[in-house]
Amino acid sequence: MNNPSPIVDLFVKHLQDRCTADEVKQLLKHFEIEENEEILRHLIRAELDFTHQGEITNSKEDAALLKVKSALISKIKQNQEQPRVKRLSPISRWVSRCAVWLVLVCSTALLVDHFYTDIKDYFHPVKLLTATTKRGERKLLTLSDGTKIWLSPSSSLEYPDQLIGNLREVKLEGEAFFEVAKDKKHPFIIHSGRMDTRVVGTSFNIQSFKAQINSTVTVVTGIVKVSALRSSGRKPQEVILNPNQRSQLDSQSGTLTSINYPNAKQMLKRKDGILNYDGTPVQDVVADFSRYYKVPILIESKSKNCLCYGEFDTNRPVNILLEQLAAAINAKIIIQKEKYILKGGCEE
């Protein structure tokens, strides 16, 4: 295939009616080369889509292809005939030129940006990548716009290798801490289950595991909009979060709420594996531990009713953390056949 850039340049100039007589002939020659047909069809498909021509069928493409070719031939004939042109007065010429430049200024930037973005995507298509973490594994990802994402254990993130277009979108399953590069013109959106989080440049933590009852977004800096999808075509619920606030989506009721969360800065430690709890149910704490360690951790019924307070460093061995947890709730740790059992606590 020939280098596509000259074809794209000529086609855009043709749409803007800026082709010289020689360039019109060159573009027509490209139409006559079979291996260039795919490129030209894509250009025409892009133009049909840009002008909102409805569903783009093969017959529409064929008709448009013939129409462009006929227009080029017609231009060549007109150039060969060189018809006499009525001379305009200097004032008329000035008014005419102003009108042309006004149209070009208003439309050229949008048109060229549209086609070059579309063609760039065609010749260098966006690839969807997936990053996953196992138990006890964390990853730091840096996206093409400079956004940094700390992916927690037992999580996955689907993201494009190029963040182009009007929106920057990723999909999260699990937990991650985001530092989003600021770009007001291109909002950043994280899809996580039934929850969408939209920002332009901020830092926050998202927890959205399928097994969890609640999904949360905790804001450290900036402003975040969280939306919860609802069934039966109802309008999504939305909350706006400021720093030191958290949203919570109940997966059973579908209710989205927001609360003040003064300890939001603890999320900066959490991305490094240091977990802080302030009255968190022990079963949620153990669920966190289970993502960081490859050992079974069981809880007796009494322990499930306990609330946990304290800071735990998952970079340390699991037995040390469990002994710390047991001391915090007045429980005991029993080891049986390579599994840990949290027994008693709270009321005893």
Protein backbone atom coordinates (compact mmCIF):
# COMPACT_ATOMS: atom_id res chain seq x y z
CA MET A 1 0.00 0.00 0.00
CA ASN A 2 1.25 3.50 -0.78
CA ASN A 3 2.05 5.91 2.03
CA PRO A 4 -1.46 7.02 3.16
CA SER A 5 -0.45 10.50 4.30
CA PRO A 6 -0.48 12.16 0.82
CA ILE A 7 -3.89 10.65 0.12
CA VAL A 8 -5.27 11.96 3.40
CA ASP A 9 -3.77 15.42 2.82
CA LEU A 10 -5.21 15.62 -0.69
CA PHE A 11 -8.62 14.36 0.37
CA VAL A 12 -8.90 16.92 3.20
CA LYS A 13 -7.81 19.70 0.79
CA HIS A 14 -10.42 18.48 -1.69
CA LEU A 15 -13.14 18.75 0.98
CA GLN A 16 -11.95 22.28 1.71
CA ASP A 17 -11.88 23.07 -2.03
CA ARG A 18 -8.18 23.99 -1.84
CA CYS A 19 -6.74 21.53 -4.37
CA THR A 20 -4.78 22.91 -7.32
CA ALA A 21 -5.41 21.49 -10.80
CA ASP A 22 -2.37 19.20 -10.47
CA GLU A 23 -3.46 18.01 -7.01
CA VAL A 24 -6.93 17.15 -8.36
CA LYS A 25 -5.26 14.97 -10.99
CA GLN A 26 -3.07 13.34 -8.35
CA LEU A 27 -6.07 12.51 -6.15
CA LEU A 28 -7.93 11.03 -9.14
CA LYS A 29 -4.91 8.81 -9.84
CA HIS A 30 -5.14 7.49 -6.27
CA PHE A 31 -8.75 6.49 -6.98
CA GLU A 32 -7.55 4.42 -9.92
CA ILE A 33 -5.08 2.39 -7.82
CA GLU A 34 -6.84 -0.69 -6.46
CA GLU A 35 -4.74 -0.99 -3.30
CA ASN A 36 -5.73 2.55 -2.25
CA GLU A 37 -9.45 1.83 -2.35
CA GLU A 38 -9.58 0.74 1.31
CA ILE A 39 -8.04 4.04 2.44
CA LEU A 40 -10.38 6.10 0.27
CA ARG A 41 -13.41 4.16 1.42
CA HIS A 42 -12.46 4.83 5.03
CA LEU A 43 -12.10 8.55 4.30
CA ILE A 44 -15.52 8.61 2.67
CA ARG A 45 -17.01 6.57 5.52
CA ALA A 46 -15.60 9.11 7.96
CA GLU A 47 -17.12 11.98 5.95
CA LEU A 48 -20.53 10.25 5.83
CA ASP A 49 -20.39 9.72 9.57
CA PHE A 50 -19.25 13.32 10.18
CA THR A 51 -22.14 14.74 8.17
CA HIS A 52 -24.67 12.47 9.98
CA GLN A 53 -25.86 10.55 6.94
CA GLY A 54 -27.58 7.81 8.99
CA GLU A 55 -26.58 4.16 8.75
CA ILE A 56 -23.52 3.76 6.51
CA THR A 57 -24.06 0.86 4.11
CA ASN A 58 -21.86 -0.56 1.36
CA SER A 59 -24.18 0.93 -1.25
CA LYS A 60 -23.76 4.39 0.29
CA GLU A 61 -20.00 3.97 0.22
CA ASP A 62 -20.09 2.87 -3.44
CA ALA A 63 -22.30 5.80 -4.39
CA ALA A 64 -20.10 8.25 -2.48
CA LEU A 65 -16.97 6.80 -4.08
CA LEU A 66 -18.41 7.35 -7.57
CA LYS A 67 -19.64 10.81 -6.60
CA VAL A 68 -16.19 11.94 -5.46
CA LYS A 69 -14.56 10.45 -8.55
CA SER A 70 -17.08 12.17 -10.82
CA ALA A 71 -16.49 15.48 -9.03
CA LEU A 72 -12.74 15.16 -9.58
CA ILE A 73 -13.20 14.42 -13.29
CA SER A 74 -15.57 17.38 -13.57
CA LYS A 75 -12.97 19.66 -11.96
CA ILE A 76 -10.29 18.48 -14.36
CA LYS A 77 -12.55 19.25 -17.34
CA GLN A 78 -13.35 22.69 -15.95
CA ASN A 79 -9.65 23.44 -15.53
CA GLN A 80 -8.96 22.31 -19.10
CA GLU A 81 -11.76 24.44 -20.57
CA GLN A 82 -10.59 27.51 -18.57
CA PRO A 83 -13.89 29.45 -18.87
CA ARG A 84 -13.81 33.23 -18.86
CA VAL A 85 -14.38 34.64 -15.40
CA LYS A 86 -16.15 37.91 -14.84
CA ARG A 87 -13.73 40.35 -13.23
CA LEU A 88 -14.78 41.77 -9.91
CA SER A 89 -14.09 45.25 -8.65
CA PRO A 90 -11.40 45.57 -5.94
CA ILE A 91 -14.08 46.07 -3.26
CA SER A 92 -16.07 43.01 -4.45
CA ARG A 93 -12.90 40.90 -4.47
CA TRP A 94 -12.10 42.03 -0.93
CA VAL A 95 -15.62 41.18 0.32
CA SER A 96 -15.48 37.79 -1.43
CA ARG A 97 -12.11 36.95 0.11
CA CYS A 98 -13.32 37.95 3.58
CA ALA A 99 -16.33 35.65 3.23
CA VAL A 100 -14.17 32.72 2.14
CA TRP A 101 -11.69 33.22 4.97
CA LEU A 102 -14.52 33.53 7.50
CA VAL A 103 -15.92 30.17 6.42
CA LEU A 104 -12.46 28.56 6.46
CA VAL A 105 -11.63 29.89 9.94
CA CYS A 106 -14.93 28.60 11.32
CA SER A 107 -14.84 25.15 9.71
CA THR A 108 -11.29 24.13 8.79
CA ALA A 109 -9.99 23.52 12.33
CA LEU A 110 -12.92 21.25 13.18
CA LEU A 111 -12.80 19.41 9.86
CA VAL A 112 -9.06 18.79 9.83
CA ASP A 113 -9.03 17.74 13.49
CA HIS A 114 -11.89 15.33 12.82
CA PHE A 115 -10.25 13.67 9.84
CA TYR A 116 -6.72 13.50 11.18
CA THR A 117 -7.97 12.05 14.47
CA ASP A 118 -10.11 9.55 12.59
CA ILE A 119 -7.31 8.56 10.21
CA LYS A 120 -4.77 8.30 13.04
CA ASP A 121 -7.15 5.91 14.78
CA TYR A 122 -7.53 3.96 11.51
CA PHE A 123 -3.83 3.49 10.77
CA HIS A 124 -2.80 3.28 14.45
CA PRO A 125 -5.88 1.70 16.07
CA VAL A 126 -6.36 2.01 19.82
CA LYS A 127 -5.63 -1.23 21.65
CA LEU A 128 -7.39 -2.22 24.85
CA LEU A 129 -4.95 -3.47 27.47
CA THR A 130 -5.72 -5.29 30.71
CA ALA A 131 -3.62 -5.18 33.86
CA THR A 132 -4.40 -7.71 36.59
CA THR A 133 -3.01 -8.37 40.04
CA LYS A 134 -2.99 -11.60 42.02
CA ARG A 135 -3.30 -11.96 45.77
CA GLY A 136 -0.58 -10.00 47.49
CA GLU A 137 0.44 -8.24 44.25
CA ARG A 138 0.24 -4.51 43.55
CA LYS A 139 1.00 -2.62 40.32
CA LEU A 140 1.67 0.99 39.37
CA LEU A 141 0.44 1.96 35.90
CA THR A 142 1.14 5.21 34.06
CA LEU A 143 -1.28 5.94 31.20
CA SER A 144 -0.42 7.82 28.00
CA ASP A 145 -1.78 11.13 29.43
CA GLY A 146 0.38 10.89 32.57
CA THR A 147 -2.37 9.55 34.85
CA LYS A 148 -1.02 7.23 37.55
CA ILE A 149 -2.98 4.26 38.89
CA TRP A 150 -2.00 2.10 41.84
CA LEU A 151 -3.80 -1.23 41.34
CA SER A 152 -4.49 -3.14 44.56
CA PRO A 153 -4.28 -6.95 44.93
CA SER A 154 -6.94 -9.16 43.30
CA SER A 155 -7.96 -6.38 40.91
CA SER A 156 -8.02 -5.68 37.17
CA LEU A 157 -8.01 -2.56 35.00
CA GLU A 158 -8.95 -2.36 31.33
CA TYR A 159 -7.53 0.72 29.60
CA PRO A 160 -6.62 1.97 26.07
CA ASP A 161 -2.97 2.30 25.04
CA GLN A 162 -3.83 5.76 23.65
CA LEU A 163 -6.17 8.17 25.41
CA ILE A 164 -7.65 9.98 22.41
CA GLY A 165 -11.10 11.36 21.71
CA ASN A 166 -13.41 13.43 23.88
CA LEU A 167 -13.30 11.13 26.91
CA ARG A 168 -10.59 9.21 28.74
CA GLU A 169 -12.24 5.96 29.86
CA VAL A 170 -11.08 2.90 31.81
CA LYS A 171 -12.83 -0.04 33.46
CA LEU A 172 -12.01 -1.22 36.99
CA GLU A 173 -12.83 -4.43 38.82
CA GLY A 174 -11.52 -4.33 42.38
CA GLU A 175 -9.61 -1.48 43.99
CA ALA A 176 -7.25 1.24 42.77
CA PHE A 177 -5.93 4.65 43.73
CA PHE A 178 -5.96 7.24 40.94
CA GLU A 179 -3.93 10.40 40.36
CA VAL A 180 -5.59 11.72 37.21
CA ALA A 181 -3.68 14.12 34.96
CA LYS A 182 -5.61 17.39 34.66
CA ASP A 183 -7.36 17.98 31.32
CA LYS A 184 -10.62 19.97 31.47
CA LYS A 185 -11.42 19.30 27.81
CA HIS A 186 -11.19 15.51 28.18
CA PRO A 187 -12.89 14.18 31.34
CA PHE A 188 -11.59 10.94 32.85
CA ILE A 189 -14.23 8.27 33.54
CA ILE A 190 -13.85 5.03 35.51
CA HIS A 191 -16.53 2.38 34.95
CA SER A 192 -16.76 0.00 37.91
CA GLY A 193 -19.80 -2.25 38.02
CA ARG A 194 -22.94 -0.10 38.24
CA MET A 195 -20.90 2.94 39.24
CA ASP A 196 -19.28 5.60 37.03
CA THR A 197 -16.73 8.06 38.43
CA ARG A 198 -16.03 11.22 36.40
CA VAL A 199 -13.17 13.67 37.03
CA VAL A 200 -10.91 16.09 35.14
CA GLY A 201 -7.86 15.99 37.42
CA THR A 202 -7.80 14.77 41.01
CA SER A 203 -6.74 11.96 43.37
CA PHE A 204 -9.08 9.40 44.90
CA ASN A 205 -9.56 5.74 45.78
CA ILE A 206 -12.18 3.37 44.37
CA GLN A 207 -13.21 0.06 45.93
CA SER A 208 -15.58 -1.97 43.79
CA PHE A 209 -15.29 -5.72 44.31
CA LYS A 210 -18.17 -7.88 43.09
CA ALA A 211 -18.27 -9.79 46.38
CA GLN A 212 -18.57 -6.61 48.46
CA ILE A 213 -21.93 -5.23 49.52
CA ASN A 214 -20.76 -1.63 49.20
CA SER A 215 -18.67 0.12 46.54
CA THR A 216 -16.92 3.31 47.61
CA VAL A 217 -15.16 6.35 46.16
CA THR A 218 -12.99 8.35 48.58
CA VAL A 219 -11.67 11.75 47.46
CA VAL A 220 -8.30 13.08 48.60
CA THR A 221 -7.98 16.10 46.26
CA GLY A 222 -10.17 17.74 43.61
CA ILE A 223 -13.85 17.30 42.77
CA VAL A 224 -15.41 14.00 41.71
CA LYS A 225 -18.84 13.17 40.30
CA VAL A 226 -20.11 9.66 41.01
CA SER A 227 -23.10 8.19 39.17
CA ALA A 228 -24.99 5.00 39.97
CA LEU A 229 -26.83 3.26 37.14
CA ARG A 230 -30.43 2.32 37.88
CA SER A 231 -32.75 -0.20 36.27
CA SER A 232 -35.85 0.37 34.14
CA GLY A 233 -34.41 3.40 32.33
CA ARG A 234 -34.58 5.57 35.44
CA LYS A 235 -32.25 8.55 35.69
CA PRO A 236 -28.93 7.65 37.38
CA GLN A 237 -28.29 8.84 40.91
CA GLU A 238 -25.46 11.35 41.19
CA VAL A 239 -23.38 12.83 43.99
CA ILE A 240 -20.63 15.45 43.86
CA LEU A 241 -17.69 14.78 46.19
CA ASN A 242 -15.15 17.24 47.54
CA PRO A 243 -11.91 16.42 49.36
CA ASN A 244 -12.44 14.38 52.56
CA GLN A 245 -15.75 12.98 51.34
CA ARG A 246 -16.78 9.46 50.36
CA SER A 247 -19.63 8.02 48.30
CA GLN A 248 -21.08 4.61 49.03
CA LEU A 249 -23.19 2.48 46.67
CA ASP A 250 -25.23 -0.30 48.27
CA SER A 251 -25.29 -3.11 45.70
CA GLN A 252 -28.47 -4.62 47.20
CA SER A 253 -30.67 -1.52 47.38
CA GLY A 254 -28.87 0.42 44.62
CA THR A 255 -28.79 3.50 46.88
CA LEU A 256 -25.94 5.98 46.42
CA THR A 257 -25.05 8.16 49.40
CA SER A 258 -22.23 10.52 50.37
CA ILE A 259 -20.63 11.17 53.77
CA ASN A 260 -17.82 13.26 55.22
CA TYR A 261 -14.62 11.24 55.56
CA PRO A 262 -11.98 13.27 57.43
CA ASN A 263 -9.38 10.49 57.14
CA ALA A 264 -9.32 10.47 53.33
CA LYS A 265 -5.55 11.09 53.28
CA GLN A 266 -5.10 7.60 54.69
CA MET A 267 -5.83 6.43 51.15
CA LEU A 268 -2.35 7.67 50.24
CA LYS A 269 -0.97 4.99 52.57
CA ARG A 270 -3.46 2.40 51.39
CA LYS A 271 -2.05 2.48 47.85
CA ASP A 272 1.25 1.36 49.40
CA GLY A 273 -0.37 -1.52 51.27
CA ILE A 274 -0.84 0.22 54.66
CA LEU A 275 -4.48 -0.22 55.72
CA ASN A 276 -6.26 2.00 58.25
CA TYR A 277 -9.56 1.15 59.93
CA ASP A 278 -11.78 3.32 62.11
CA GLY A 279 -14.71 1.22 63.30
CA THR A 280 -14.71 -1.17 60.30
CA PRO A 281 -16.44 -4.57 60.67
CA VAL A 282 -13.87 -7.31 61.21
CA GLN A 283 -15.23 -9.38 58.32
CA ASP A 284 -14.38 -6.48 55.95
CA VAL A 285 -10.90 -6.24 57.45
CA VAL A 286 -10.34 -9.98 56.96
CA ALA A 287 -11.63 -9.70 53.38
CA ASP A 288 -8.92 -7.07 52.78
CA PHE A 289 -6.26 -9.29 54.35
CA SER A 290 -7.35 -12.21 52.15
CA ARG A 291 -6.52 -10.19 49.02
CA TYR A 292 -3.02 -9.46 50.28
CA TYR A 293 -2.11 -12.95 51.52
CA LYS A 294 -2.34 -16.37 49.91
CA VAL A 295 -3.63 -18.15 53.00
CA PRO A 296 -7.19 -18.95 54.15
CA ILE A 297 -8.43 -16.74 57.02
CA LEU A 298 -11.64 -17.82 58.77
CA ILE A 299 -13.73 -15.95 61.34
CA GLU A 300 -15.93 -17.36 64.10
CA SER A 301 -19.42 -15.91 64.38
CA LYS A 302 -18.57 -13.87 67.51
CA SER A 303 -15.67 -12.15 65.78
CA LYS A 304 -17.85 -11.06 62.87
CA ASN A 305 -19.72 -8.66 65.16
CA CYS A 306 -16.53 -6.83 66.18
CA LEU A 307 -15.39 -3.45 64.91
CA CYS A 308 -11.73 -2.84 64.14
CA TYR A 309 -9.58 0.24 64.81
CA GLY A 310 -5.93 0.59 63.88
CA GLU A 311 -3.28 0.59 61.16
CA PHE A 312 -1.96 -2.57 59.49
CA ASP A 313 1.08 -2.86 57.22
CA THR A 314 0.52 -5.65 54.68
CA ASN A 315 4.19 -5.57 53.78
CA ARG A 316 4.74 -7.53 57.01
CA PRO A 317 4.06 -11.31 57.42
CA VAL A 318 0.42 -12.33 57.76
CA ASN A 319 0.83 -13.87 61.21
CA ILE A 320 1.99 -10.52 62.64
CA LEU A 321 -1.04 -8.70 61.21
CA LEU A 322 -3.46 -11.33 62.49
CA GLU A 323 -1.93 -11.22 65.97
CA GLN A 324 -2.34 -7.43 65.87
CA LEU A 325 -5.97 -7.81 64.78
CA ALA A 326 -6.68 -10.39 67.48
CA ALA A 327 -5.24 -8.09 70.15
CA ALA A 328 -7.36 -5.18 68.88
CA ILE A 329 -10.64 -7.09 69.33
CA ASN A 330 -9.62 -9.30 72.29
CA ALA A 331 -9.64 -12.49 70.19
CA LYS A 332 -7.26 -15.38 69.55
CA ILE A 333 -5.57 -16.74 66.44
CA ILE A 334 -5.56 -20.49 65.92
CA ILE A 335 -3.58 -22.17 63.14
CA GLN A 336 -5.04 -25.38 61.72
CA LYS A 337 -3.79 -27.18 58.60
CA GLU A 338 -2.23 -24.07 57.00
CA LYS A 339 -5.25 -21.88 57.70
CA TYR A 340 -5.83 -19.15 60.29
CA ILE A 341 -8.95 -18.98 62.46
CA LEU A 342 -9.95 -15.80 64.34
CA LYS A 343 -11.76 -16.99 67.46
CA GLY A 344 -13.76 -15.04 70.03
CA GLY A 345 -13.38 -11.37 70.77
CA CYS A 346 -15.33 -8.25 71.61
CA GLU A 347 -17.74 -9.52 74.26
CA GLU A 348 -15.26 -11.73 76.07
